[in-house]
Amino acid sequence: MIKAWVTSLDDATVVTTLARIAVVNPDPMALLDYLRQLCAEAHAYQSRMPERPGLAW
């Protein structure tokens, strides 16, 4: 499902996300917080998609 979520992102969002990761990377707590936000976005994406057998986290 994470692959499906990432695939759904447009190029500008991917670039912005990677740039943000680069900025927060030196601070472990900030990086962890941002990764939690990304996980929440992926989870929200999953909840908007119809269930398909065989797909799981």
C-alpha atoms as a PDB file:
ATOM      1  CA  MET A   1       0.000   0.000   0.000  1.00  0.00           C
ATOM      2  CA  ILE A   2       2.880   2.372   0.668  1.00  0.00           C
ATOM      3  CA  LYS A   3       4.109   1.812  -2.880  1.00  0.00           C
ATOM      4  CA  ALA A   4       0.615   2.672  -4.193  1.00  0.00           C
ATOM      5  CA  TRP A   5       0.532   5.831  -2.072  1.00  0.00           C
ATOM      6  CA  VAL A   6       3.986   6.965  -3.214  1.00  0.00           C
ATOM      7  CA  THR A   7       3.078   6.218  -6.828  1.00  0.00           C
ATOM      8  CA  SER A   8       0.011   8.435  -6.448  1.00  0.00           C
ATOM      9  CA  LEU A   9       2.131  11.470  -5.504  1.00  0.00           C
ATOM     10  CA  ASP A  10       2.957  14.039  -8.154  1.00  0.00           C
ATOM     11  CA  ASP A  11       6.564  14.981  -8.878  1.00  0.00           C
ATOM     12  CA  ALA A  12       6.397  18.286  -7.017  1.00  0.00           C
ATOM     13  CA  THR A  13       5.151  16.563  -3.858  1.00  0.00           C
ATOM     14  CA  VAL A  14       7.922  13.974  -4.046  1.00  0.00           C
ATOM     15  CA  VAL A  15      10.584  16.674  -4.451  1.00  0.00           C
ATOM     16  CA  THR A  16       9.122  18.708  -1.590  1.00  0.00           C
ATOM     17  CA  THR A  17       8.956  15.633   0.648  1.00  0.00           C
ATOM     18  CA  LEU A  18      12.550  14.638  -0.066  1.00  0.00           C
ATOM     19  CA  ALA A  19      13.723  18.197   0.518  1.00  0.00           C
ATOM     20  CA  ARG A  20      11.908  18.248   3.864  1.00  0.00           C
ATOM     21  CA  ILE A  21      13.516  14.932   4.851  1.00  0.00           C
ATOM     22  CA  ALA A  22      16.934  16.405   4.020  1.00  0.00           C
ATOM     23  CA  VAL A  23      16.223  19.434   6.215  1.00  0.00           C
ATOM     24  CA  VAL A  24      15.040  17.487   9.264  1.00  0.00           C
ATOM     25  CA  ASN A  25      17.479  14.574   8.867  1.00  0.00           C
ATOM     26  CA  PRO A  26      20.140  15.962  11.256  1.00  0.00           C
ATOM     27  CA  ASP A  27      17.548  16.151  14.064  1.00  0.00           C
ATOM     28  CA  PRO A  28      16.391  12.619  14.955  1.00  0.00           C
ATOM     29  CA  MET A  29      13.252  13.808  16.756  1.00  0.00           C
ATOM     30  CA  ALA A  30      12.213  16.097  13.891  1.00  0.00           C
ATOM     31  CA  LEU A  31      12.881  13.323  11.394  1.00  0.00           C
ATOM     32  CA  LEU A  32      10.817  10.864  13.423  1.00  0.00           C
ATOM     33  CA  ASP A  33       7.984  13.397  13.658  1.00  0.00           C
ATOM     34  CA  TYR A  34       8.024  13.985   9.910  1.00  0.00           C
ATOM     35  CA  LEU A  35       8.098  10.260   9.164  1.00  0.00           C
ATOM     36  CA  ARG A  36       5.066   9.868  11.425  1.00  0.00           C
ATOM     37  CA  GLN A  37       3.297  12.538   9.382  1.00  0.00           C
ATOM     38  CA  LEU A  38       4.136  10.684   6.178  1.00  0.00           C
ATOM     39  CA  CYS A  39       2.838   7.428   7.662  1.00  0.00           C
ATOM     40  CA  ALA A  40      -0.393   9.201   8.584  1.00  0.00           C
ATOM     41  CA  GLU A  41      -0.722  10.447   5.002  1.00  0.00           C
ATOM     42  CA  ALA A  42      -0.155   6.927   3.663  1.00  0.00           C
ATOM     43  CA  HIS A  43      -2.723   5.558   6.088  1.00  0.00           C
ATOM     44  CA  ALA A  44      -5.238   8.218   5.024  1.00  0.00           C
ATOM     45  CA  TYR A  45      -4.599   7.283   1.397  1.00  0.00           C
ATOM     46  CA  GLN A  46      -5.218   3.629   2.234  1.00  0.00           C
ATOM     47  CA  SER A  47      -8.510   4.454   3.947  1.00  0.00           C
ATOM     48  CA  ARG A  48      -9.710   6.257   0.805  1.00  0.00           C
ATOM     49  CA  MET A  49      -8.966   3.248  -1.420  1.00  0.00           C
ATOM     50  CA  PRO A  50     -11.399   0.365  -1.817  1.00  0.00           C
ATOM     51  CA  GLU A  51     -10.206  -2.818  -0.159  1.00  0.00           C
ATOM     52  CA  ARG A  52      -8.525  -5.294  -2.440  1.00  0.00           C
ATOM     53  CA  PRO A  53      -7.769  -8.847  -1.379  1.00  0.00           C
ATOM     54  CA  GLY A  54      -4.107  -9.603  -0.891  1.00  0.00           C
ATOM     55  CA  LEU A  55      -3.032  -6.020  -0.164  1.00  0.00           C
ATOM     56  CA  ALA A  56      -1.860  -5.375   3.347  1.00  0.00           C
ATOM     57  CA  TRP A  57       0.623  -3.187   5.186  1.00  0.00           C
END
